[in-house]
């Protein structure tokens, strides 16, 4: 994903019927406006949103098991190193709550383990003269009784920056138990972010009255620099073709103090043997450019994950593809993976100055340490002259004995669309069609489904998902069922 600062997002949902699968011939429009008939095309059924915005879930990797279970991984907004969120639902839209005059906002919370401190995310509407005080009290019977005692710790935040995480921490841990944090004594245009809903173990208050919202706060469970990371990987599962989903989990985060500490986004997942392998994008450049591609593995769809360290699997990640172009260019990343005939095809974006390519490397999939065998094979698709193209997602069609690749063109624009490409060898692709019908305007960062090896069977339900919307970083995620077109 081509990021702008802090936390943007995406998520997906899909369904399919095969009643009209046969007897259709597609008319696809080329770049020159010429309609062509193509027998291997797919169409989108009318989709629906599986994420309603207020953030983002984008760049999905979609894996479908033999029993129809859908696994989906997305890029999601990040967080703070050393901290875990208290129980708010990230799928609910954020609402800024002003704190003015004598107003007091507070939140009762429970921690089942010792913690070093907490952070609360506070907007100030771009003010440079807003201040607030944050305190922690031990919870005692009720709100009023808790406030009648002295705070365990308190701190004044003078002229904090907009959306700063105001942080209270200590060299000694607070014992597990029930607590109350309080924001008060506001100056300027202080505030706090809230999300709708109520959650077990958390109760929010405004001026002493309980409300059905949860303020965005985080607990610090280890000593950390508490720096922000932009993106992480979210996971959800569906057993009914994308109509309903399990609660999402944040399953892969950056590792503090390492080369991927700023971000993990653009997930791509395959399963080889007992391991799930998840490719992702990250960077060491605070400007969010000069990216590289990385890989992690796990025995489970939700982790824990071991990251490739250049020689083996551990906790100190090293890139699997290192960008060597212009230091001011976007770089390399946005991976997609397919396994065929014991070879792993690793596709990735290469965006250098005045250059946009999807490149491919191949590794020996029989080896658990296959990243050490990865060999560059060339440019699979040159997207340089395609207006506002983005990353490619590749699947293999055993029935056609061909690789198929989709990506977005005219991303973030009203006439955005999907492009379909094909290849016999997986190394050199030719464009075959544009896919526009039923796709949303302003779409970007699409993905489509396959099995654990990245193979796609048209006789089983398959799906496409993408993020869309005009408001940067506040995107919905659309889910579509695929209809295959046959002569």
Protein backbone atom coordinates (compact mmCIF):
# COMPACT_ATOMS: atom_id res chain seq x y z
CA UNK A 1 0.00 0.00 0.00
CA UNK A 2 1.27 3.47 -0.81
CA UNK A 3 0.81 5.01 2.63
CA UNK A 4 0.36 8.54 3.94
CA UNK A 5 1.00 9.13 7.65
CA UNK A 6 -0.68 7.04 10.30
CA UNK A 7 -3.19 4.32 10.11
CA UNK A 8 -5.29 3.74 7.06
CA UNK A 9 -7.29 0.72 6.47
CA UNK A 10 -9.22 -2.22 4.89
CA UNK A 11 -11.38 -5.36 5.20
CA UNK A 12 -13.41 -7.78 3.02
CA UNK A 13 -16.61 -9.88 2.45
CA UNK A 14 -17.90 -12.05 -0.41
CA UNK A 15 -20.69 -14.42 -1.70
CA UNK A 16 -21.37 -16.45 -4.86
CA UNK A 17 -24.15 -18.20 -6.82
CA UNK A 18 -23.54 -20.32 -9.86
CA UNK A 19 -26.99 -20.23 -11.44
CA UNK A 20 -25.81 -18.06 -14.32
CA UNK A 21 -22.32 -19.47 -14.55
CA UNK A 22 -22.76 -21.09 -17.97
CA UNK A 23 -24.04 -19.72 -21.30
CA UNK A 24 -22.32 -16.36 -20.86
CA UNK A 25 -19.79 -14.80 -23.15
CA UNK A 26 -18.02 -11.71 -21.89
CA UNK A 27 -17.34 -8.50 -23.73
CA UNK A 28 -14.22 -7.00 -22.15
CA UNK A 29 -13.03 -3.50 -23.00
CA UNK A 30 -9.36 -2.96 -23.79
CA UNK A 31 -7.35 0.20 -23.10
CA UNK A 32 -8.20 1.29 -26.66
CA UNK A 33 -11.96 0.96 -26.14
CA UNK A 34 -12.22 -2.15 -28.36
CA UNK A 35 -14.56 -4.87 -27.13
CA UNK A 36 -13.07 -8.36 -27.25
CA UNK A 37 -14.48 -11.77 -26.42
CA UNK A 38 -12.45 -13.73 -23.90
CA UNK A 39 -13.46 -17.15 -22.59
CA UNK A 40 -11.45 -17.18 -19.35
CA UNK A 41 -12.91 -14.00 -17.88
CA UNK A 42 -14.68 -13.60 -14.57
CA UNK A 43 -17.40 -11.17 -13.58
CA UNK A 44 -18.28 -9.70 -10.21
CA UNK A 45 -21.66 -10.21 -8.65
CA UNK A 46 -23.07 -7.23 -6.80
CA UNK A 47 -21.14 -7.04 -3.57
CA UNK A 48 -21.62 -5.74 -0.05
CA UNK A 49 -19.46 -4.05 2.59
CA UNK A 50 -17.75 -6.16 5.22
CA UNK A 51 -16.08 -3.12 6.77
CA UNK A 52 -17.98 0.16 7.03
CA UNK A 53 -15.09 2.61 7.38
CA UNK A 54 -13.96 4.83 10.19
CA UNK A 55 -10.50 3.47 9.47
CA UNK A 56 -9.50 0.82 6.98
CA UNK A 57 -8.99 -2.81 6.10
CA UNK A 58 -7.20 -3.10 2.75
CA UNK A 59 -5.00 -5.35 0.60
CA UNK A 60 -6.67 -8.64 1.55
CA UNK A 61 -5.19 -12.10 1.29
CA UNK A 62 -8.06 -14.60 1.00
CA UNK A 63 -7.63 -18.35 1.53
CA UNK A 64 -10.50 -20.85 1.19
CA UNK A 65 -10.30 -24.32 2.79
CA UNK A 66 -11.77 -27.46 1.24
CA UNK A 67 -14.82 -27.16 3.55
CA UNK A 68 -15.53 -23.60 2.33
CA UNK A 69 -14.11 -21.82 5.38
CA UNK A 70 -12.76 -18.42 4.36
CA UNK A 71 -9.64 -17.03 6.02
CA UNK A 72 -8.93 -13.35 5.32
CA UNK A 73 -5.98 -11.21 6.37
CA UNK A 74 -5.99 -7.39 5.94
CA UNK A 75 -3.81 -4.38 6.54
CA UNK A 76 -5.30 -2.51 9.52
CA UNK A 77 -4.40 0.62 11.49
CA UNK A 78 -1.42 0.18 13.78
CA UNK A 79 -0.88 1.02 17.42
CA UNK A 80 1.79 1.68 20.01
CA UNK A 81 4.79 -0.53 20.70
CA UNK A 82 4.64 -2.23 24.05
CA UNK A 83 0.90 -1.80 24.36
CA UNK A 84 -2.33 -3.67 23.69
CA UNK A 85 -5.68 -1.99 23.22
CA UNK A 86 -8.34 -2.12 25.87
CA UNK A 87 -11.56 -3.62 24.62
CA UNK A 88 -12.92 -1.37 21.90
CA UNK A 89 -14.19 -2.58 18.55
CA UNK A 90 -11.92 -1.32 15.75
CA UNK A 91 -14.66 -1.91 13.21
CA UNK A 92 -16.80 0.82 14.76
CA UNK A 93 -16.25 4.37 13.53
CA UNK A 94 -14.17 6.71 15.67
CA UNK A 95 -15.94 9.71 17.23
CA UNK A 96 -13.99 12.66 18.73
CA UNK A 97 -15.39 13.69 22.12
CA UNK A 98 -14.53 17.26 23.20
CA UNK A 99 -13.39 17.85 26.79
CA UNK A 100 -14.10 21.47 27.74
CA UNK A 101 -14.25 23.60 30.88
CA UNK A 102 -14.98 21.44 33.93
CA UNK A 103 -15.73 18.28 31.90
CA UNK A 104 -14.23 14.99 33.06
CA UNK A 105 -14.04 11.78 31.03
CA UNK A 106 -13.02 8.50 32.59
CA UNK A 107 -12.89 4.76 31.95
CA UNK A 108 -13.04 1.83 34.32
CA UNK A 109 -10.94 -1.10 33.10
CA UNK A 110 -9.63 -4.47 34.19
CA UNK A 111 -6.22 -5.95 33.49
CA UNK A 112 -5.66 -9.65 34.11
CA UNK A 113 -1.88 -9.15 34.17
CA UNK A 114 0.56 -6.67 35.67
CA UNK A 115 1.19 -3.59 33.50
CA UNK A 116 3.59 -0.64 33.36
CA UNK A 117 1.10 2.04 32.36
CA UNK A 118 -1.45 3.15 29.80
CA UNK A 119 -2.01 5.59 26.95
CA UNK A 120 -5.12 7.44 25.79
CA UNK A 121 -5.37 8.86 22.27
CA UNK A 122 -6.37 12.52 22.38
CA UNK A 123 -7.31 14.80 19.47
CA UNK A 124 -7.14 18.58 19.73
CA UNK A 125 -8.44 19.68 16.32
CA UNK A 126 -4.98 20.82 15.17
CA UNK A 127 -4.46 23.12 18.13
CA UNK A 128 -1.01 24.03 19.40
CA UNK A 129 -2.33 25.26 22.76
CA UNK A 130 -4.29 22.34 24.24
CA UNK A 131 -3.43 20.64 27.53
CA UNK A 132 -4.96 17.87 29.63
CA UNK A 133 -4.25 15.87 32.81
CA UNK A 134 -4.32 12.06 32.93
CA UNK A 135 -4.55 10.09 36.20
CA UNK A 136 -4.96 6.45 37.27
CA UNK A 137 -7.01 5.50 40.34
CA UNK A 138 -7.52 2.12 41.92
CA UNK A 139 -11.16 1.08 41.34
CA UNK A 140 -13.13 0.87 44.56
CA UNK A 141 -16.83 -0.13 44.49
CA UNK A 142 -18.05 2.66 42.18
CA UNK A 143 -17.01 5.78 40.26
CA UNK A 144 -17.43 8.30 43.10
CA UNK A 145 -15.70 6.14 45.72
CA UNK A 146 -12.77 5.50 43.40
CA UNK A 147 -12.24 9.24 42.84
CA UNK A 148 -12.36 9.96 46.58
CA UNK A 149 -8.90 8.47 47.05
CA UNK A 150 -5.62 9.90 45.77
CA UNK A 151 -4.50 8.90 42.25
CA UNK A 152 -1.82 6.23 41.94
CA UNK A 153 -0.11 8.28 39.25
CA UNK A 154 -0.94 11.53 37.45
CA UNK A 155 0.66 13.74 34.80
CA UNK A 156 -0.07 17.04 33.07
CA UNK A 157 0.37 17.11 29.26
CA UNK A 158 1.09 20.68 28.18
CA UNK A 159 0.41 21.63 24.56
CA UNK A 160 0.16 18.05 23.35
CA UNK A 161 0.05 17.46 19.59
CA UNK A 162 -3.08 16.46 17.72
CA UNK A 163 -3.98 12.76 18.19
CA UNK A 164 -1.08 12.25 20.58
CA UNK A 165 -1.10 9.18 22.78
CA UNK A 166 -0.81 10.73 26.22
CA UNK A 167 1.07 8.13 28.25
CA UNK A 168 1.34 7.31 31.94
CA UNK A 169 3.99 4.74 32.77
CA UNK A 170 6.13 3.67 35.67
CA UNK A 171 9.40 1.83 36.29
CA UNK A 172 7.45 -0.54 38.52
CA UNK A 173 4.46 -2.55 37.36
CA UNK A 174 0.89 -1.96 38.51
CA UNK A 175 -0.67 -5.15 39.84
CA UNK A 176 -3.37 -6.89 37.85
CA UNK A 177 -6.85 -5.76 38.85
CA UNK A 178 -9.50 -3.08 38.37
CA UNK A 179 -8.64 0.60 37.78
CA UNK A 180 -10.07 3.91 36.62
CA UNK A 181 -8.26 6.38 34.38
CA UNK A 182 -9.40 10.02 34.28
CA UNK A 183 -8.84 12.91 31.84
CA UNK A 184 -9.63 16.32 33.34
CA UNK A 185 -8.56 19.98 33.71
CA UNK A 186 -8.69 20.62 29.92
CA UNK A 187 -7.30 23.74 28.27
CA UNK A 188 -7.83 24.80 24.66
CA UNK A 189 -9.57 22.21 22.47
CA UNK A 190 -8.73 18.98 24.27
CA UNK A 191 -10.60 15.74 23.52
CA UNK A 192 -10.59 11.96 23.40
CA UNK A 193 -11.46 9.40 20.72
CA UNK A 194 -14.41 7.09 21.34
CA UNK A 195 -16.07 4.17 19.55
CA UNK A 196 -19.65 2.97 19.89
CA UNK A 197 -20.48 -0.11 21.91
CA UNK A 198 -20.10 -1.59 25.36
CA UNK A 199 -17.59 -4.27 26.30
CA UNK A 200 -17.09 -6.59 29.25
CA UNK A 201 -14.67 -5.19 31.81
CA UNK A 202 -14.76 -1.63 30.40
CA UNK A 203 -17.11 1.23 31.31
CA UNK A 204 -16.74 4.82 30.14
CA UNK A 205 -17.98 7.94 31.93
CA UNK A 206 -18.61 11.58 31.05
CA UNK A 207 -18.98 13.84 34.10
CA UNK A 208 -19.67 10.83 36.27
CA UNK A 209 -22.44 9.35 34.07
CA UNK A 210 -21.90 6.04 32.30
CA UNK A 211 -22.12 6.07 28.48
CA UNK A 212 -22.41 3.44 25.76
CA UNK A 213 -19.08 4.30 24.16
CA UNK A 214 -15.55 3.08 24.73
CA UNK A 215 -12.64 5.52 24.73
CA UNK A 216 -9.51 4.49 22.84
CA UNK A 217 -6.93 3.51 25.42
CA UNK A 218 -4.03 1.09 25.55
CA UNK A 219 -2.21 -0.80 28.30
CA UNK A 220 1.59 -1.03 28.39
CA UNK A 221 2.62 -4.58 29.26
CA UNK A 222 6.37 -4.19 28.85
CA UNK A 223 8.91 -1.43 29.03
CA UNK A 224 9.02 0.21 25.64
CA UNK A 225 9.75 3.42 23.80
CA UNK A 226 5.97 3.52 23.13
CA UNK A 227 6.50 4.66 19.54
CA UNK A 228 3.63 4.45 17.09
CA UNK A 229 3.57 1.93 14.24
CA UNK A 230 1.32 2.63 11.26
CA UNK A 231 -0.11 -0.73 10.20
CA UNK A 232 -0.57 -4.30 11.39
CA UNK A 233 -2.32 -7.42 10.10
CA UNK A 234 -5.93 -8.21 11.01
CA UNK A 235 -7.54 -11.65 10.57
CA UNK A 236 -11.16 -12.77 10.26
CA UNK A 237 -12.92 -16.00 9.31
CA UNK A 238 -16.25 -16.72 7.63
CA UNK A 239 -18.17 -20.00 7.29
CA UNK A 240 -20.99 -18.66 5.11
CA UNK A 241 -19.30 -17.22 2.01
CA UNK A 242 -18.56 -13.89 3.63
CA UNK A 243 -22.02 -13.00 4.91
CA UNK A 244 -20.92 -13.07 8.56
CA UNK A 245 -17.48 -13.04 10.14
CA UNK A 246 -15.82 -13.93 13.41
CA UNK A 247 -14.54 -11.02 15.52
CA UNK A 248 -11.26 -9.91 14.03
CA UNK A 249 -7.89 -10.40 15.69
CA UNK A 250 -4.73 -8.38 15.23
CA UNK A 251 -2.36 -11.25 14.49
CA UNK A 252 0.94 -9.79 13.25
CA UNK A 253 2.60 -6.61 14.46
CA UNK A 254 5.95 -4.91 13.86
CA UNK A 255 8.82 -5.89 16.15
CA UNK A 256 10.10 -2.94 18.14
CA UNK A 257 13.74 -2.03 17.59
CA UNK A 258 14.06 -4.01 14.33
CA UNK A 259 13.92 -3.28 10.61
CA UNK A 260 10.13 -3.72 10.42
CA UNK A 261 9.28 -1.63 13.53
CA UNK A 262 7.36 1.10 11.66
CA UNK A 263 4.74 -1.00 9.89
CA UNK A 264 3.44 -4.35 8.68
CA UNK A 265 0.98 -4.14 5.79
CA UNK A 266 -0.08 -5.74 2.47
CA UNK A 267 -0.37 -9.34 3.76
CA UNK A 268 -0.09 -12.33 1.41
CA UNK A 269 -0.55 -15.86 2.77
CA UNK A 270 0.04 -19.40 1.52
CA UNK A 271 0.36 -22.68 3.40
CA UNK A 272 3.14 -25.16 2.63
CA UNK A 273 3.18 -28.31 4.71
CA UNK A 274 2.45 -27.40 8.34
CA UNK A 275 3.37 -23.72 8.03
CA UNK A 276 1.42 -20.64 7.00
CA UNK A 277 3.74 -18.13 5.33
CA UNK A 278 2.77 -14.45 5.44
CA UNK A 279 4.55 -11.93 3.23
CA UNK A 280 4.33 -8.22 4.05
CA UNK A 281 5.71 -4.73 3.40
CA UNK A 282 7.73 -2.62 5.82
CA UNK A 283 10.31 0.17 5.88
CA UNK A 284 13.02 1.72 8.04
CA UNK A 285 12.34 5.19 6.63
CA UNK A 286 10.15 7.40 8.84
CA UNK A 287 8.86 9.04 5.63
CA UNK A 288 7.08 5.75 4.84
CA UNK A 289 9.05 5.22 1.63
CA UNK A 290 12.01 3.00 0.62
CA UNK A 291 10.05 -0.15 1.50
CA UNK A 292 11.20 -3.78 1.45
CA UNK A 293 9.40 -7.15 1.35
CA UNK A 294 9.45 -9.50 4.36
CA UNK A 295 8.15 -12.98 5.26
CA UNK A 296 6.95 -14.66 8.47
CA UNK A 297 5.66 -18.15 9.27
CA UNK A 298 3.33 -19.78 11.80
CA UNK A 299 1.68 -23.10 12.58
CA UNK A 300 -1.64 -21.24 12.94
CA UNK A 301 -3.61 -18.70 10.91
CA UNK A 302 -3.39 -16.28 13.86
CA UNK A 303 0.22 -16.84 14.94
CA UNK A 304 2.46 -16.59 16.82
CA UNK A 305 4.74 -15.78 13.88
CA UNK A 306 8.45 -16.31 13.35
CA UNK A 307 10.08 -13.78 11.04
CA UNK A 308 12.78 -14.57 8.48
CA UNK A 309 16.08 -13.20 9.79
CA UNK A 310 18.17 -13.74 6.68
CA UNK A 311 19.26 -17.28 7.62
CA UNK A 312 16.52 -18.79 9.73
CA UNK A 313 13.25 -17.98 11.52
CA UNK A 314 13.28 -15.85 14.66
CA UNK A 315 12.43 -12.40 16.03
CA UNK A 316 14.81 -10.07 14.18
CA UNK A 317 13.39 -9.70 10.68
CA UNK A 318 15.45 -9.12 7.56
CA UNK A 319 13.94 -8.44 4.11
CA UNK A 320 13.34 -11.26 1.69
CA UNK A 321 13.50 -8.63 -1.09
CA UNK A 322 15.60 -5.51 -0.46
CA UNK A 323 14.89 -2.39 -2.49
CA UNK A 324 18.03 -1.01 -4.17
CA UNK A 325 16.54 1.91 -6.10
CA UNK A 326 16.20 5.62 -5.44
CA UNK A 327 16.15 6.44 -1.72
CA UNK A 328 13.16 8.74 -2.30
CA UNK A 329 11.09 6.10 -4.15
CA UNK A 330 8.30 3.97 -2.66
CA UNK A 331 10.39 0.78 -2.93
CA UNK A 332 9.54 -2.94 -2.92
CA UNK A 333 6.72 -4.89 -1.25
CA UNK A 334 3.03 -5.76 -1.62
CA UNK A 335 3.77 -9.48 -2.07
CA UNK A 336 1.63 -12.23 -3.59
CA UNK A 337 2.54 -15.93 -3.51
CA UNK A 338 1.65 -19.05 -5.52
CA UNK A 339 3.03 -22.58 -5.10
CA UNK A 340 3.22 -24.81 -8.16
CA UNK A 341 5.25 -27.97 -8.83
CA UNK A 342 7.30 -27.48 -5.64
CA UNK A 343 8.24 -23.95 -6.66
CA UNK A 344 7.12 -20.86 -4.80
CA UNK A 345 6.45 -17.87 -7.07
CA UNK A 346 6.96 -14.66 -5.09
CA UNK A 347 5.46 -11.56 -6.77
CA UNK A 348 6.13 -8.06 -5.47
CA UNK A 349 5.80 -4.40 -6.41
CA UNK A 350 8.96 -2.55 -7.46
CA UNK A 351 8.33 1.21 -7.55
CA UNK A 352 11.42 3.20 -8.40
CA UNK A 353 11.63 6.72 -9.76
CA UNK A 354 9.42 6.83 -12.89
CA UNK A 355 9.00 3.03 -12.74
CA UNK A 356 6.20 0.74 -11.55
CA UNK A 357 6.67 -3.01 -12.04
CA UNK A 358 5.39 -6.28 -10.65
CA UNK A 359 8.45 -8.47 -10.36
CA UNK A 360 8.73 -12.20 -9.70
CA UNK A 361 11.25 -14.41 -7.91
CA UNK A 362 11.11 -18.20 -7.48
CA UNK A 363 12.16 -20.37 -4.52
CA UNK A 364 12.32 -24.09 -3.67
CA UNK A 365 9.04 -24.71 -1.81
CA UNK A 366 10.23 -28.13 -0.58
CA UNK A 367 12.56 -26.45 1.91
CA UNK A 368 11.39 -24.87 5.15
CA UNK A 369 14.10 -22.24 4.68
CA UNK A 370 12.97 -21.52 1.13
CA UNK A 371 13.62 -17.75 1.42
CA UNK A 372 17.34 -18.56 1.22
CA UNK A 373 16.76 -20.05 -2.26
CA UNK A 374 14.77 -17.13 -3.71
CA UNK A 375 16.02 -16.16 -7.18
CA UNK A 376 14.91 -13.12 -9.17
CA UNK A 377 13.30 -14.05 -12.50
CA UNK A 378 12.36 -10.71 -14.04
CA UNK A 379 9.46 -8.33 -14.62
CA UNK A 380 6.10 -10.10 -14.71
CA UNK A 381 4.04 -6.98 -15.51
CA UNK A 382 5.21 -3.47 -16.37
CA UNK A 383 2.55 -1.11 -14.96
CA UNK A 384 4.52 2.09 -15.48
CA UNK A 385 2.23 3.40 -18.21
CA UNK A 386 -1.02 2.28 -16.56
CA UNK A 387 -2.67 5.22 -14.84
CA UNK A 388 -2.62 4.87 -11.04
CA UNK A 389 -2.11 1.10 -10.95
CA UNK A 390 -1.46 -0.67 -7.67
CA UNK A 391 -0.30 -4.03 -6.39
CA UNK A 392 -1.01 -7.36 -8.09
CA UNK A 393 -2.58 -10.49 -6.58
CA UNK A 394 -1.77 -13.71 -8.45
CA UNK A 395 -3.52 -17.09 -8.47
CA UNK A 396 -3.00 -20.28 -10.50
CA UNK A 397 -5.87 -21.87 -12.47
CA UNK A 398 -5.19 -25.65 -12.80
CA UNK A 399 -8.14 -26.01 -15.20
CA UNK A 400 -6.54 -23.51 -17.60
CA UNK A 401 -2.93 -24.36 -16.72
CA UNK A 402 -2.40 -20.61 -16.41
CA UNK A 403 -1.53 -18.01 -13.81
CA UNK A 404 -4.00 -15.14 -13.50
CA UNK A 405 -3.19 -11.74 -12.01
CA UNK A 406 -5.47 -8.88 -11.00
CA UNK A 407 -4.72 -5.34 -9.89
CA UNK A 408 -6.43 -1.96 -9.69
CA UNK A 409 -6.13 0.77 -12.31
CA UNK A 410 -7.12 4.43 -11.77
CA UNK A 411 -7.07 3.77 -8.02
CA UNK A 412 -8.86 6.36 -5.86
CA UNK A 413 -10.67 7.66 -8.94
CA UNK A 414 -14.28 7.49 -10.04
CA UNK A 415 -13.41 5.32 -13.06
CA UNK A 416 -11.30 2.85 -11.05
CA UNK A 417 -11.45 -0.77 -12.21
CA UNK A 418 -9.77 -4.16 -12.04
CA UNK A 419 -7.36 -5.44 -14.68
CA UNK A 420 -6.90 -9.14 -15.47
CA UNK A 421 -3.64 -10.61 -16.86
CA UNK A 422 -2.60 -14.18 -17.74
CA UNK A 423 0.59 -16.20 -18.01
CA UNK A 424 1.50 -19.76 -18.96
CA UNK A 425 4.82 -19.83 -17.11
CA UNK A 426 4.08 -17.41 -14.25
CA UNK A 427 6.94 -15.20 -15.36
CA UNK A 428 5.53 -13.20 -18.29
CA UNK A 429 1.95 -11.90 -18.26
CA UNK A 430 -0.32 -10.47 -20.96
CA UNK A 431 -3.31 -8.27 -20.24
CA UNK A 432 -6.64 -9.79 -21.26
CA UNK A 433 -9.46 -7.64 -19.84
CA UNK A 434 -10.78 -4.85 -17.64
CA UNK A 435 -13.35 -5.76 -14.97
CA UNK A 436 -15.67 -2.87 -14.16
CA UNK A 437 -19.28 -4.04 -13.70
CA UNK A 438 -20.44 -3.94 -10.05
CA UNK A 439 -17.08 -2.61 -8.85
CA UNK A 440 -17.22 0.45 -6.61
CA UNK A 441 -15.71 3.79 -7.65
CA UNK A 442 -12.54 4.96 -5.89
CA UNK A 443 -11.43 1.39 -5.25
CA UNK A 444 -7.85 0.28 -4.52
CA UNK A 445 -5.74 -2.59 -3.21
CA UNK A 446 -7.76 -5.61 -4.33
CA UNK A 447 -7.28 -9.27 -3.56
CA UNK A 448 -8.96 -12.48 -4.65
CA UNK A 449 -9.34 -15.96 -3.26
CA UNK A 450 -7.55 -19.25 -3.75
CA UNK A 451 -6.67 -22.36 -1.78
CA UNK A 452 -3.71 -22.81 0.54
CA UNK A 453 -1.28 -22.96 -2.40
CA UNK A 454 -2.80 -19.99 -4.19
CA UNK A 455 -4.73 -22.14 -6.69
CA UNK A 456 -8.22 -21.14 -7.80
CA UNK A 457 -10.93 -23.69 -8.68
CA UNK A 458 -13.87 -22.13 -10.60
CA UNK A 459 -16.12 -25.01 -9.50
CA UNK A 460 -15.92 -23.74 -5.93
CA UNK A 461 -17.07 -20.34 -4.60
CA UNK A 462 -14.42 -17.67 -5.13
CA UNK A 463 -14.28 -14.02 -4.09
CA UNK A 464 -12.82 -10.58 -4.75
CA UNK A 465 -12.43 -7.83 -2.15
CA UNK A 466 -10.98 -4.32 -2.09
CA UNK A 467 -11.06 -1.03 -0.21
CA UNK A 468 -12.84 2.01 -1.62
CA UNK A 469 -13.83 5.57 -0.79
CA UNK A 470 -12.86 9.20 -1.37
CA UNK A 471 -11.93 10.10 2.20
CA UNK A 472 -8.26 9.17 2.62
CA UNK A 473 -7.79 6.55 5.32
CA UNK A 474 -11.52 6.26 5.96
CA UNK A 475 -12.41 3.46 3.57
CA UNK A 476 -15.01 0.76 3.32
CA UNK A 477 -14.18 -2.78 2.25
CA UNK A 478 -16.31 -4.46 -0.40
CA UNK A 479 -16.78 -8.21 -0.89
CA UNK A 480 -17.93 -9.81 -4.18
CA UNK A 481 -18.78 -13.28 -5.38
CA UNK A 482 -17.15 -14.25 -8.70
CA UNK A 483 -19.09 -15.54 -11.70
CA UNK A 484 -16.93 -17.31 -14.27
CA UNK A 485 -17.75 -16.67 -17.92
CA UNK A 486 -17.57 -19.61 -20.32
CA UNK A 487 -18.41 -20.02 -24.01
